[in-house]
Structures are given as C-alpha cells and as structure tokens.
Amino acid sequence: MALGFTLRQLEYFVAVGDAGSIAQAAEQIHISAPSISAAISGLERQFDVQLFVRQHAQGLSLTPGGRELLAEARRLLKQADALTAVASDIGGAVRGPLAIGCLVTLAPALLPQLRRQFEHAYPDVDVSQRAAHQAELFDGLRHADIDLAITYDMDIPNDIHFSPVASLPPFVLLDPEHPLAERDAIPVADLASHPMVLLDLPISRDYFLAHFLREGLRARVAERTRDMETLRSLVANGYGFGLLNLSSNNTQAADGKPLLQRPLVSQLEPLLFGVAVAKSEYRNRNVEAFVEHLGSQVETLGLDRAGL
C-alpha cells in the first residue's frame, strides 16, 4: 500500500514541532516557509488530525494528537536513518548519520578535533555529537540515541562492548610554588599530606580516590568541582594539587596562571581509553570507520598505546 505522506513532510513536521513556529523552522532548516506550511497542511489532511493550534502572538502549539504523532515521526525518521546506514554497510560505503557520545571530561580536549578529522576523511557521513556522563552514555547506546561512546573502561555493563584504544596514565597537576613541584614524578604516599582539588564527577572521583585507598591512605580533599577548568584554576591559585588522566599542552589555567604536570607513581593500572558500543551482531560500517580513524590518531592526540 502506497504511503500518503513522505519522509520530507515528517522532517518538516518535526522541525516545526521543535522550533514552535514555521518561520523559525524555515530559518533553521533553510526551507521556505510556504513549503513547510504546505507539508504540514498535507499531513493534517492525510491523517485527518489537527497537528498545531495556530496562535498569532505565540506561534504554533502542538495539539495532544500532534504530540503523539510527533513522537512517532521522530521514531520513523530514526528508523529511516538506520535503514540508510544498513544499505551503506551492505554496499561497503561510509555514509549517512553517525551520532557520537563522549565522556564529559574527554569531550572538550578530544571530540571536536576527532570529529573534524573524521569528517574530512568521510565527507558523506553526517556526524552529530553529545557529551554526557558514563551512565548517560550507556543509556544512549541502549536506546540507539548514539552509535558509539568515547569513554574509559570503567563500570562497563554486560550489554556494552568496549574496544580499548590507548592507556591514560594519571598525572599530578600543580602550581609552580607547590612543595612537590621540583619532583620528576610523585608517589601517591607523598601527596597524602597535601590538600587536593578533586574532580568530583562519577567514575573520575572514585578512580582518583582509589589511588590513595589502594595504599591504605586517605586523600585530603580540600576543594571539589565538577568542572575541569575550575579545577585547573583552583590548582593554579594554590588551593591544592589535582589528579587528571588526559594530559594537555596548555600550561596555563583560564586566569593565565601557570600549571605544572608530573607523572603519578601509583599501584593502580592506568585507565584505558576507547570506544563503547551496544553489543549486537550487526556491525555499523560508520562506527567501524570511526574506531579505525580513532586508532590512527592516537599519536597525533598525544595518547599512549602502551600495554595495548
């Protein structure tokens, strides 16, 4: 049976539902307002349902029926994207959508550069990105909101497959006036008596504190922050040392004060950095291409393959 509507009409419908007005949707998706208006009217005739309440002052509001159809339209468009991806895989092509998730602590330093390089190598891939915490990334993989997640090998559930790419040894972040600043490398035991600025995020928090617990010590947590740049500024201003895994070429905090990095001597193994995907017999060619691309960029990104 032939469909009485098109995917293009559904795309316009979703755009208007998101924007709240035809004019804003037209501006965002670069389609004329009359074309979008005609598509919406066509859908309303086809479904015999009013999708929007037209309010001159406030734009458009979804009707209850419109809200239900909007959710189904999103689902159908996502399935259409998946069908395109399967067809591309069958033909061996790398094209179509690729939704990348990334751990919030890794995203600022890695994701934009990796994405730009990948888009240059595969211009037919439509890449989107999302930064989130570990549990949110796993939920995104399970619900197919993202195709892959760049993250650490911590708390990986049974239904998620993790492919390691590089190891990330921990290091100590210090201000130049810190008593341990002259050391070439710093054992955990030597840090225990000094105040610490803790990156207070799930997984990161537990991993950094575990270095002390492993040796029967307790860290002297003086400050906590969920923001990487705030941690760097607190350290640079003498509030304590910090522990991080992803090294940076930037030797200054956001306020311009200098920072030093020193290797941490610890009994714990370094975290592994890599790609997580939902376990499935189906192998998405776009995902495979990105994993291969990430592996080829390890040295460029300043990461360490040691132990892999």
C-alpha atoms as a PDB file:
ATOM      1  CA  MET A   1       0.000   0.000   0.000  1.00  0.00           C
ATOM      2  CA  ALA A   2       1.396   3.372  -1.005  1.00  0.00           C
ATOM      3  CA  LEU A   3       2.033   5.863   1.779  1.00  0.00           C
ATOM      4  CA  GLY A   4       0.092   9.089   1.637  1.00  0.00           C
ATOM      5  CA  PHE A   5       2.952  11.100   3.132  1.00  0.00           C
ATOM      6  CA  THR A   6       6.709  11.475   2.663  1.00  0.00           C
ATOM      7  CA  LEU A   7       9.687  11.427   4.985  1.00  0.00           C
ATOM      8  CA  ARG A   8      10.352  15.003   3.915  1.00  0.00           C
ATOM      9  CA  GLN A   9       6.946  16.031   5.256  1.00  0.00           C
ATOM     10  CA  LEU A  10       7.774  14.322   8.554  1.00  0.00           C
ATOM     11  CA  GLU A  11      11.114  16.141   8.714  1.00  0.00           C
ATOM     12  CA  TYR A  12       9.341  19.477   8.274  1.00  0.00           C
ATOM     13  CA  PHE A  13       6.747  18.480  10.894  1.00  0.00           C
ATOM     14  CA  VAL A  14       9.474  17.630  13.442  1.00  0.00           C
ATOM     15  CA  ALA A  15      11.327  20.872  12.645  1.00  0.00           C
ATOM     16  CA  VAL A  16       8.201  22.943  13.328  1.00  0.00           C
ATOM     17  CA  GLY A  17       7.443  20.947  16.468  1.00  0.00           C
ATOM     18  CA  ASP A  18      10.936  21.704  17.766  1.00  0.00           C
ATOM     19  CA  ALA A  19      11.022  25.366  16.721  1.00  0.00           C
ATOM     20  CA  GLY A  20       7.469  26.295  17.708  1.00  0.00           C
ATOM     21  CA  SER A  21       6.850  28.286  14.545  1.00  0.00           C
ATOM     22  CA  ILE A  22       7.043  27.810  10.797  1.00  0.00           C
ATOM     23  CA  ALA A  23       9.217  30.901  10.385  1.00  0.00           C
ATOM     24  CA  GLN A  24      11.854  29.680  12.856  1.00  0.00           C
ATOM     25  CA  ALA A  25      11.807  26.169  11.399  1.00  0.00           C
ATOM     26  CA  ALA A  26      12.260  27.618   7.893  1.00  0.00           C
ATOM     27  CA  GLU A  27      15.292  29.568   9.090  1.00  0.00           C
ATOM     28  CA  GLN A  28      16.841  26.587  10.870  1.00  0.00           C
ATOM     29  CA  ILE A  29      16.479  24.025   8.063  1.00  0.00           C
ATOM     30  CA  HIS A  30      16.837  26.516   5.182  1.00  0.00           C
ATOM     31  CA  ILE A  31      13.498  25.674   3.564  1.00  0.00           C
ATOM     32  CA  SER A  32      10.896  28.256   2.520  1.00  0.00           C
ATOM     33  CA  ALA A  33       8.048  28.858   4.952  1.00  0.00           C
ATOM     34  CA  PRO A  34       5.360  28.183   2.301  1.00  0.00           C
ATOM     35  CA  SER A  35       6.906  24.772   1.565  1.00  0.00           C
ATOM     36  CA  ILE A  36       6.844  23.847   5.244  1.00  0.00           C
ATOM     37  CA  SER A  37       3.307  25.166   5.679  1.00  0.00           C
ATOM     38  CA  ALA A  38       2.138  23.106   2.700  1.00  0.00           C
ATOM     39  CA  ALA A  39       3.795  19.982   4.130  1.00  0.00           C
ATOM     40  CA  ILE A  40       2.072  20.454   7.493  1.00  0.00           C
ATOM     41  CA  SER A  41      -1.303  21.008   5.822  1.00  0.00           C
ATOM     42  CA  GLY A  42      -0.758  17.878   3.727  1.00  0.00           C
ATOM     43  CA  LEU A  43      -0.061  15.794   6.819  1.00  0.00           C
ATOM     44  CA  GLU A  44      -3.150  17.140   8.564  1.00  0.00           C
ATOM     45  CA  ARG A  45      -5.297  16.187   5.568  1.00  0.00           C
ATOM     46  CA  GLN A  46      -3.673  12.766   5.305  1.00  0.00           C
ATOM     47  CA  PHE A  47      -4.086  11.929   8.998  1.00  0.00           C
ATOM     48  CA  ASP A  48      -7.336  13.883   9.428  1.00  0.00           C
ATOM     49  CA  VAL A  49      -5.823  15.326  12.611  1.00  0.00           C
ATOM     50  CA  GLN A  50      -5.063  18.910  13.569  1.00  0.00           C
ATOM     51  CA  LEU A  51      -1.360  18.940  14.444  1.00  0.00           C
ATOM     52  CA  PHE A  52      -0.980  22.500  15.696  1.00  0.00           C
ATOM     53  CA  VAL A  53      -3.035  25.238  17.234  1.00  0.00           C
ATOM     54  CA  ARG A  54      -2.141  28.430  15.389  1.00  0.00           C
ATOM     55  CA  GLN A  55      -1.661  31.359  17.756  1.00  0.00           C
ATOM     56  CA  HIS A  56      -0.658  34.654  16.136  1.00  0.00           C
ATOM     57  CA  ALA A  57       1.200  36.008  19.143  1.00  0.00           C
ATOM     58  CA  GLN A  58       2.840  32.777  20.348  1.00  0.00           C
ATOM     59  CA  GLY A  59       3.432  30.840  17.134  1.00  0.00           C
ATOM     60  CA  LEU A  60       2.252  27.238  16.991  1.00  0.00           C
ATOM     61  CA  SER A  61       1.389  24.864  19.818  1.00  0.00           C
ATOM     62  CA  LEU A  62       1.100  21.103  19.350  1.00  0.00           C
ATOM     63  CA  THR A  63      -2.310  19.579  19.918  1.00  0.00           C
ATOM     64  CA  PRO A  64      -2.484  16.392  22.034  1.00  0.00           C
ATOM     65  CA  GLY A  65      -2.771  14.392  18.817  1.00  0.00           C
ATOM     66  CA  GLY A  66       0.098  16.359  17.323  1.00  0.00           C
ATOM     67  CA  ARG A  67       2.321  15.463  20.282  1.00  0.00           C
ATOM     68  CA  GLU A  68       1.620  11.756  19.796  1.00  0.00           C
ATOM     69  CA  LEU A  69       2.286  11.928  16.072  1.00  0.00           C
ATOM     70  CA  LEU A  70       5.455  13.962  16.650  1.00  0.00           C
ATOM     71  CA  ALA A  71       6.921  11.179  18.819  1.00  0.00           C
ATOM     72  CA  GLU A  72       6.086   8.588  16.144  1.00  0.00           C
ATOM     73  CA  ALA A  73       7.509  10.826  13.415  1.00  0.00           C
ATOM     74  CA  ARG A  74      10.813  11.080  15.286  1.00  0.00           C
ATOM     75  CA  ARG A  75      10.897   7.297  15.660  1.00  0.00           C
ATOM     76  CA  LEU A  76      10.147   6.726  11.982  1.00  0.00           C
ATOM     77  CA  LEU A  77      12.822   9.189  10.869  1.00  0.00           C
ATOM     78  CA  LYS A  78      15.365   7.459  13.126  1.00  0.00           C
ATOM     79  CA  GLN A  79      14.427   4.088  11.595  1.00  0.00           C
ATOM     80  CA  ALA A  80      14.821   5.587   8.121  1.00  0.00           C
ATOM     81  CA  ASP A  81      18.329   6.761   9.094  1.00  0.00           C
ATOM     82  CA  ALA A  82      19.118   3.253  10.344  1.00  0.00           C
ATOM     83  CA  LEU A  83      17.890   1.777   7.060  1.00  0.00           C
ATOM     84  CA  THR A  84      20.201   4.127   5.171  1.00  0.00           C
ATOM     85  CA  ALA A  85      23.102   3.053   7.368  1.00  0.00           C
ATOM     86  CA  VAL A  86      22.379  -0.653   6.749  1.00  0.00           C
ATOM     87  CA  ALA A  87      22.236  -0.045   2.999  1.00  0.00           C
ATOM     88  CA  SER A  88      25.546   1.796   3.170  1.00  0.00           C
ATOM     89  CA  ASP A  89      27.102  -1.085   5.080  1.00  0.00           C
ATOM     90  CA  ILE A  90      25.884  -3.600   2.531  1.00  0.00           C
ATOM     91  CA  GLY A  91      27.473  -1.562  -0.217  1.00  0.00           C
ATOM     92  CA  GLY A  92      30.656  -1.071   1.798  1.00  0.00           C
ATOM     93  CA  ALA A  93      30.197   2.706   1.798  1.00  0.00           C
ATOM     94  CA  VAL A  94      30.783   5.021   4.737  1.00  0.00           C
ATOM     95  CA  ARG A  95      27.922   7.491   4.583  1.00  0.00           C
ATOM     96  CA  GLY A  96      24.840   8.576   6.442  1.00  0.00           C
ATOM     97  CA  PRO A  97      24.331   9.526  10.102  1.00  0.00           C
ATOM     98  CA  LEU A  98      26.790   8.864  12.942  1.00  0.00           C
ATOM     99  CA  ALA A  99      25.898  10.008  16.475  1.00  0.00           C
ATOM    100  CA  ILE A 100      28.962  10.167  18.729  1.00  0.00           C
ATOM    101  CA  GLY A 101      28.759  10.324  22.509  1.00  0.00           C
ATOM    102  CA  CYS A 102      31.746  11.289  24.632  1.00  0.00           C
ATOM    103  CA  LEU A 103      32.507  11.378  28.348  1.00  0.00           C
ATOM    104  CA  VAL A 104      32.237  14.966  29.589  1.00  0.00           C
ATOM    105  CA  THR A 105      35.838  15.005  30.860  1.00  0.00           C
ATOM    106  CA  LEU A 106      37.189  13.923  27.471  1.00  0.00           C
ATOM    107  CA  ALA A 107      34.909  15.843  25.122  1.00  0.00           C
ATOM    108  CA  PRO A 108      36.456  19.357  25.208  1.00  0.00           C
ATOM    109  CA  ALA A 109      40.002  18.182  24.502  1.00  0.00           C
ATOM    110  CA  LEU A 110      39.317  15.336  22.059  1.00  0.00           C
ATOM    111  CA  LEU A 111      35.929  15.342  20.389  1.00  0.00           C
ATOM    112  CA  PRO A 112      35.978  18.453  18.150  1.00  0.00           C
ATOM    113  CA  GLN A 113      39.396  17.569  16.720  1.00  0.00           C
ATOM    114  CA  LEU A 114      38.491  13.919  16.153  1.00  0.00           C
ATOM    115  CA  ARG A 115      35.175  14.871  14.578  1.00  0.00           C
ATOM    116  CA  ARG A 116      36.717  17.405  12.186  1.00  0.00           C
ATOM    117  CA  GLN A 117      39.393  14.949  11.049  1.00  0.00           C
ATOM    118  CA  PHE A 118      36.806  12.209  10.537  1.00  0.00           C
ATOM    119  CA  GLU A 119      34.515  14.499   8.555  1.00  0.00           C
ATOM    120  CA  HIS A 120      37.405  15.426   6.287  1.00  0.00           C
ATOM    121  CA  ALA A 121      38.158  11.742   5.697  1.00  0.00           C
ATOM    122  CA  TYR A 122      34.479  10.765   5.236  1.00  0.00           C
ATOM    123  CA  PRO A 123      32.552  13.785   3.915  1.00  0.00           C
ATOM    124  CA  ASP A 124      29.403  11.723   3.253  1.00  0.00           C
ATOM    125  CA  VAL A 125      28.927  10.974   6.960  1.00  0.00           C
ATOM    126  CA  ASP A 126      26.562  13.281   8.865  1.00  0.00           C
ATOM    127  CA  VAL A 127      28.139  13.491  12.343  1.00  0.00           C
ATOM    128  CA  SER A 128      26.408  14.691  15.499  1.00  0.00           C
ATOM    129  CA  GLN A 129      27.907  14.782  18.995  1.00  0.00           C
ATOM    130  CA  ARG A 130      26.820  14.654  22.615  1.00  0.00           C
ATOM    131  CA  ALA A 131      28.814  14.962  25.844  1.00  0.00           C
ATOM    132  CA  ALA A 132      27.473  13.078  28.870  1.00  0.00           C
ATOM    133  CA  HIS A 133      28.377  11.119  31.991  1.00  0.00           C
ATOM    134  CA  GLN A 134      29.093   7.380  31.814  1.00  0.00           C
ATOM    135  CA  ALA A 135      25.629   6.136  32.798  1.00  0.00           C
ATOM    136  CA  GLU A 136      24.007   8.550  30.334  1.00  0.00           C
ATOM    137  CA  LEU A 137      26.271   7.295  27.563  1.00  0.00           C
ATOM    138  CA  PHE A 138      25.293   3.684  28.236  1.00  0.00           C
ATOM    139  CA  ASP A 139      21.594   4.610  28.195  1.00  0.00           C
ATOM    140  CA  GLY A 140      22.154   6.433  24.922  1.00  0.00           C
ATOM    141  CA  LEU A 141      23.723   3.320  23.393  1.00  0.00           C
ATOM    142  CA  ARG A 142      20.888   1.082  24.599  1.00  0.00           C
ATOM    143  CA  HIS A 143      18.223   3.392  23.165  1.00  0.00           C
ATOM    144  CA  ALA A 144      20.170   3.999  19.927  1.00  0.00           C
ATOM    145  CA  ASP A 145      20.354   7.724  20.656  1.00  0.00           C
ATOM    146  CA  ILE A 146      24.091   7.460  19.973  1.00  0.00           C
ATOM    147  CA  ASP A 147      26.006   4.952  17.854  1.00  0.00           C
ATOM    148  CA  LEU A 148      29.205   4.898  19.920  1.00  0.00           C
ATOM    149  CA  ALA A 149      30.686   6.393  23.058  1.00  0.00           C
ATOM    150  CA  ILE A 150      34.248   7.593  23.630  1.00  0.00           C
ATOM    151  CA  THR A 151      34.964   6.796  27.263  1.00  0.00           C
ATOM    152  CA  TYR A 152      37.004   4.882  29.849  1.00  0.00           C
ATOM    153  CA  ASP A 153      36.962   1.150  30.640  1.00  0.00           C
ATOM    154  CA  MET A 154      35.187   1.608  33.975  1.00  0.00           C
ATOM    155  CA  ASP A 155      31.843   0.110  35.030  1.00  0.00           C
ATOM    156  CA  ILE A 156      31.237  -1.355  31.570  1.00  0.00           C
ATOM    157  CA  PRO A 157      27.936  -3.340  31.766  1.00  0.00           C
ATOM    158  CA  ASN A 158      27.474  -6.755  30.171  1.00  0.00           C
ATOM    159  CA  ASP A 159      25.405  -5.446  27.264  1.00  0.00           C
ATOM    160  CA  ILE A 160      28.073  -2.936  26.199  1.00  0.00           C
ATOM    161  CA  HIS A 161      31.226  -3.830  24.253  1.00  0.00           C
ATOM    162  CA  PHE A 162      34.379  -1.763  24.893  1.00  0.00           C
ATOM    163  CA  SER A 163      37.313  -1.570  22.456  1.00  0.00           C
ATOM    164  CA  PRO A 164      40.475  -0.103  24.061  1.00  0.00           C
ATOM    165  CA  VAL A 165      42.464   2.377  22.012  1.00  0.00           C
ATOM    166  CA  ALA A 166      45.037   3.893  24.382  1.00  0.00           C
ATOM    167  CA  SER A 167      46.090   3.989  28.016  1.00  0.00           C
ATOM    168  CA  LEU A 168      45.842   7.194  30.031  1.00  0.00           C
ATOM    169  CA  PRO A 169      48.308   7.192  32.939  1.00  0.00           C
ATOM    170  CA  PRO A 170      47.309   9.574  35.746  1.00  0.00           C
ATOM    171  CA  PHE A 171      49.342  12.695  36.418  1.00  0.00           C
ATOM    172  CA  VAL A 172      49.543  15.331  39.135  1.00  0.00           C
ATOM    173  CA  LEU A 173      48.617  18.926  38.366  1.00  0.00           C
ATOM    174  CA  LEU A 174      50.483  21.502  40.468  1.00  0.00           C
ATOM    175  CA  ASP A 175      51.132  25.198  40.764  1.00  0.00           C
ATOM    176  CA  PRO A 176      54.841  26.121  40.411  1.00  0.00           C
ATOM    177  CA  GLU A 177      55.088  27.077  44.104  1.00  0.00           C
ATOM    178  CA  HIS A 178      53.828  23.718  45.377  1.00  0.00           C
ATOM    179  CA  PRO A 179      56.326  21.919  47.689  1.00  0.00           C
ATOM    180  CA  LEU A 180      56.399  18.922  45.301  1.00  0.00           C
ATOM    181  CA  ALA A 181      56.819  20.955  42.126  1.00  0.00           C
ATOM    182  CA  GLU A 182      60.522  20.104  41.764  1.00  0.00           C
ATOM    183  CA  ARG A 183      59.888  16.340  41.668  1.00  0.00           C
ATOM    184  CA  ASP A 184      60.174  14.499  38.350  1.00  0.00           C
ATOM    185  CA  ALA A 185      57.466  12.033  39.429  1.00  0.00           C
ATOM    186  CA  ILE A 186      55.322  11.961  42.559  1.00  0.00           C
ATOM    187  CA  PRO A 187      54.329   8.841  44.571  1.00  0.00           C
ATOM    188  CA  VAL A 188      50.807   8.705  45.960  1.00  0.00           C
ATOM    189  CA  ALA A 189      52.156   8.495  49.514  1.00  0.00           C
ATOM    190  CA  ASP A 190      53.859  11.887  49.140  1.00  0.00           C
ATOM    191  CA  LEU A 191      50.564  13.524  48.182  1.00  0.00           C
ATOM    192  CA  ALA A 192      48.539  12.255  51.131  1.00  0.00           C
ATOM    193  CA  SER A 193      49.549  15.095  53.446  1.00  0.00           C
ATOM    194  CA  HIS A 194      48.797  17.840  50.913  1.00  0.00           C
ATOM    195  CA  PRO A 195      45.381  19.351  50.120  1.00  0.00           C
ATOM    196  CA  MET A 196      43.688  18.015  46.994  1.00  0.00           C
ATOM    197  CA  VAL A 197      41.311  19.594  44.488  1.00  0.00           C
ATOM    198  CA  LEU A 198      39.058  16.704  43.442  1.00  0.00           C
ATOM    199  CA  LEU A 199      37.332  16.399  40.080  1.00  0.00           C
ATOM    200  CA  ASP A 200      34.016  15.402  41.618  1.00  0.00           C
ATOM    201  CA  LEU A 201      32.421  13.518  38.733  1.00  0.00           C
ATOM    202  CA  PRO A 202      31.123   9.929  38.638  1.00  0.00           C
ATOM    203  CA  ILE A 203      33.911   7.443  37.812  1.00  0.00           C
ATOM    204  CA  SER A 204      36.622  10.133  37.822  1.00  0.00           C
ATOM    205  CA  ARG A 205      36.051  10.794  41.536  1.00  0.00           C
ATOM    206  CA  ASP A 206      36.183   7.115  42.503  1.00  0.00           C
ATOM    207  CA  TYR A 207      39.204   6.396  40.327  1.00  0.00           C
ATOM    208  CA  PHE A 208      41.333   9.241  41.694  1.00  0.00           C
ATOM    209  CA  LEU A 209      40.487   8.493  45.331  1.00  0.00           C
ATOM    210  CA  ALA A 210      41.200   4.791  44.735  1.00  0.00           C
ATOM    211  CA  HIS A 211      44.897   5.586  44.245  1.00  0.00           C
ATOM    212  CA  PHE A 212      45.065   6.536  47.922  1.00  0.00           C
ATOM    213  CA  LEU A 213      42.792   3.760  49.216  1.00  0.00           C
ATOM    214  CA  ARG A 214      44.911   1.167  47.394  1.00  0.00           C
ATOM    215  CA  GLU A 215      47.845   2.158  49.626  1.00  0.00           C
ATOM    216  CA  GLY A 216      45.788   2.443  52.820  1.00  0.00           C
ATOM    217  CA  LEU A 217      45.740   6.245  52.681  1.00  0.00           C
ATOM    218  CA  ARG A 218      43.071   8.932  52.581  1.00  0.00           C
ATOM    219  CA  ALA A 219      43.252  11.942  50.322  1.00  0.00           C
ATOM    220  CA  ARG A 220      42.965  15.377  51.972  1.00  0.00           C
ATOM    221  CA  VAL A 221      40.171  16.710  49.772  1.00  0.00           C
ATOM    222  CA  ALA A 222      40.124  20.476  50.294  1.00  0.00           C
ATOM    223  CA  GLU A 223      38.082  21.502  47.257  1.00  0.00           C
ATOM    224  CA  ARG A 224      35.642  19.730  44.932  1.00  0.00           C
ATOM    225  CA  THR A 225      34.498  20.763  41.472  1.00  0.00           C
ATOM    226  CA  ARG A 226      32.667  19.152  38.571  1.00  0.00           C
ATOM    227  CA  ASP A 227      34.332  21.442  36.031  1.00  0.00           C
ATOM    228  CA  MET A 228      37.785  20.743  34.572  1.00  0.00           C
ATOM    229  CA  GLU A 229      38.693  24.402  34.012  1.00  0.00           C
ATOM    230  CA  THR A 230      37.657  25.325  37.543  1.00  0.00           C
ATOM    231  CA  LEU A 231      39.896  22.548  38.866  1.00  0.00           C
ATOM    232  CA  ARG A 232      42.828  23.879  36.840  1.00  0.00           C
ATOM    233  CA  SER A 233      42.260  27.415  38.160  1.00  0.00           C
ATOM    234  CA  LEU A 234      41.952  26.264  41.767  1.00  0.00           C
ATOM    235  CA  VAL A 235      45.221  24.343  41.458  1.00  0.00           C
ATOM    236  CA  ALA A 236      46.987  27.278  39.778  1.00  0.00           C
ATOM    237  CA  ASN A 237      45.898  29.545  42.626  1.00  0.00           C
ATOM    238  CA  GLY A 238      47.365  27.259  45.291  1.00  0.00           C
ATOM    239  CA  TYR A 239      44.272  25.517  46.677  1.00  0.00           C
ATOM    240  CA  GLY A 240      45.855  22.081  46.267  1.00  0.00           C
ATOM    241  CA  PHE A 241      47.062  19.547  43.730  1.00  0.00           C
ATOM    242  CA  GLY A 242      44.808  17.878  41.202  1.00  0.00           C
ATOM    243  CA  LEU A 243      44.774  14.460  39.560  1.00  0.00           C
ATOM    244  CA  LEU A 244      43.851  14.033  35.909  1.00  0.00           C
ATOM    245  CA  ASN A 245      44.264  11.444  33.148  1.00  0.00           C
ATOM    246  CA  LEU A 246      44.142  13.445  29.959  1.00  0.00           C
ATOM    247  CA  SER A 247      47.287  15.493  29.560  1.00  0.00           C
ATOM    248  CA  SER A 248      47.113  18.946  27.985  1.00  0.00           C
ATOM    249  CA  ASN A 249      49.565  21.104  26.072  1.00  0.00           C
ATOM    250  CA  ASN A 250      48.035  24.112  27.802  1.00  0.00           C
ATOM    251  CA  THR A 251      50.328  25.072  30.677  1.00  0.00           C
ATOM    252  CA  GLN A 252      48.068  27.844  31.948  1.00  0.00           C
ATOM    253  CA  ALA A 253      44.777  27.979  33.812  1.00  0.00           C
ATOM    254  CA  ALA A 254      41.872  30.046  32.496  1.00  0.00           C
ATOM    255  CA  ASP A 255      43.067  33.070  34.504  1.00  0.00           C
ATOM    256  CA  GLY A 256      46.537  32.868  32.955  1.00  0.00           C
ATOM    257  CA  LYS A 257      48.351  31.452  35.970  1.00  0.00           C
ATOM    258  CA  PRO A 258      50.934  28.702  35.218  1.00  0.00           C
ATOM    259  CA  LEU A 259      50.493  24.980  35.853  1.00  0.00           C
ATOM    260  CA  LEU A 260      52.841  22.010  36.012  1.00  0.00           C
ATOM    261  CA  GLN A 261      52.213  18.327  35.229  1.00  0.00           C
ATOM    262  CA  ARG A 262      54.080  15.474  36.884  1.00  0.00           C
ATOM    263  CA  PRO A 263      53.586  11.687  36.484  1.00  0.00           C
ATOM    264  CA  LEU A 264      51.821   9.961  39.386  1.00  0.00           C
ATOM    265  CA  VAL A 265      53.540   6.879  40.789  1.00  0.00           C
ATOM    266  CA  SER A 266      50.692   4.558  41.774  1.00  0.00           C
ATOM    267  CA  GLN A 267      49.867   0.889  42.274  1.00  0.00           C
ATOM    268  CA  LEU A 268      46.717   1.238  40.151  1.00  0.00           C
ATOM    269  CA  GLU A 269      46.750   0.488  36.450  1.00  0.00           C
ATOM    270  CA  PRO A 270      46.130   3.427  34.079  1.00  0.00           C
ATOM    271  CA  LEU A 271      42.626   3.838  32.730  1.00  0.00           C
ATOM    272  CA  LEU A 272      42.019   2.581  29.221  1.00  0.00           C
ATOM    273  CA  PHE A 273      40.503   4.996  26.745  1.00  0.00           C
ATOM    274  CA  GLY A 274      38.426   3.659  23.870  1.00  0.00           C
ATOM    275  CA  VAL A 275      35.065   3.183  22.193  1.00  0.00           C
ATOM    276  CA  ALA A 276      31.935   1.605  23.674  1.00  0.00           C
ATOM    277  CA  VAL A 277      29.070   0.274  21.545  1.00  0.00           C
ATOM    278  CA  ALA A 278      25.937  -1.717  22.275  1.00  0.00           C
ATOM    279  CA  LYS A 279      26.532  -5.455  21.781  1.00  0.00           C
ATOM    280  CA  SER A 280      24.989  -6.604  18.520  1.00  0.00           C
ATOM    281  CA  GLU A 281      25.639  -8.994  15.653  1.00  0.00           C
ATOM    282  CA  TYR A 282      25.152  -6.065  13.283  1.00  0.00           C
ATOM    283  CA  ARG A 283      28.326  -4.071  12.640  1.00  0.00           C
ATOM    284  CA  ASN A 284      27.729  -0.478  11.592  1.00  0.00           C
ATOM    285  CA  ARG A 285      30.279   0.472   8.938  1.00  0.00           C
ATOM    286  CA  ASN A 286      30.283   4.103  10.072  1.00  0.00           C
ATOM    287  CA  VAL A 287      31.131   3.026  13.618  1.00  0.00           C
ATOM    288  CA  GLU A 288      33.898   0.724  12.392  1.00  0.00           C
ATOM    289  CA  ALA A 289      35.331   3.537  10.261  1.00  0.00           C
ATOM    290  CA  PHE A 290      35.363   5.883  13.254  1.00  0.00           C
ATOM    291  CA  VAL A 291      37.047   3.304  15.508  1.00  0.00           C
ATOM    292  CA  GLU A 292      39.729   2.778  12.834  1.00  0.00           C
ATOM    293  CA  HIS A 293      40.122   6.537  12.498  1.00  0.00           C
ATOM    294  CA  LEU A 294      40.485   6.999  16.257  1.00  0.00           C
ATOM    295  CA  GLY A 295      43.149   4.301  16.392  1.00  0.00           C
ATOM    296  CA  SER A 296      45.110   6.038  13.636  1.00  0.00           C
ATOM    297  CA  GLN A 297      45.057   9.336  15.566  1.00  0.00           C
ATOM    298  CA  VAL A 298      46.440   8.064  18.891  1.00  0.00           C
ATOM    299  CA  GLU A 299      49.927   9.521  18.465  1.00  0.00           C
ATOM    300  CA  THR A 300      48.584  12.747  16.959  1.00  0.00           C
ATOM    301  CA  LEU A 301      46.388  13.236  20.016  1.00  0.00           C
ATOM    302  CA  GLY A 302      49.353  12.665  22.331  1.00  0.00           C
ATOM    303  CA  LEU A 303      47.926   9.427  23.761  1.00  0.00           C
ATOM    304  CA  ASP A 304      49.875   6.331  24.788  1.00  0.00           C
ATOM    305  CA  ARG A 305      49.347   2.901  23.232  1.00  0.00           C
ATOM    306  CA  ALA A 306      51.483   1.296  25.927  1.00  0.00           C
ATOM    307  CA  GLY A 307      50.123  -2.006  27.221  1.00  0.00           C
ATOM    308  CA  LEU A 308      47.599  -2.472  24.410  1.00  0.00           C
END
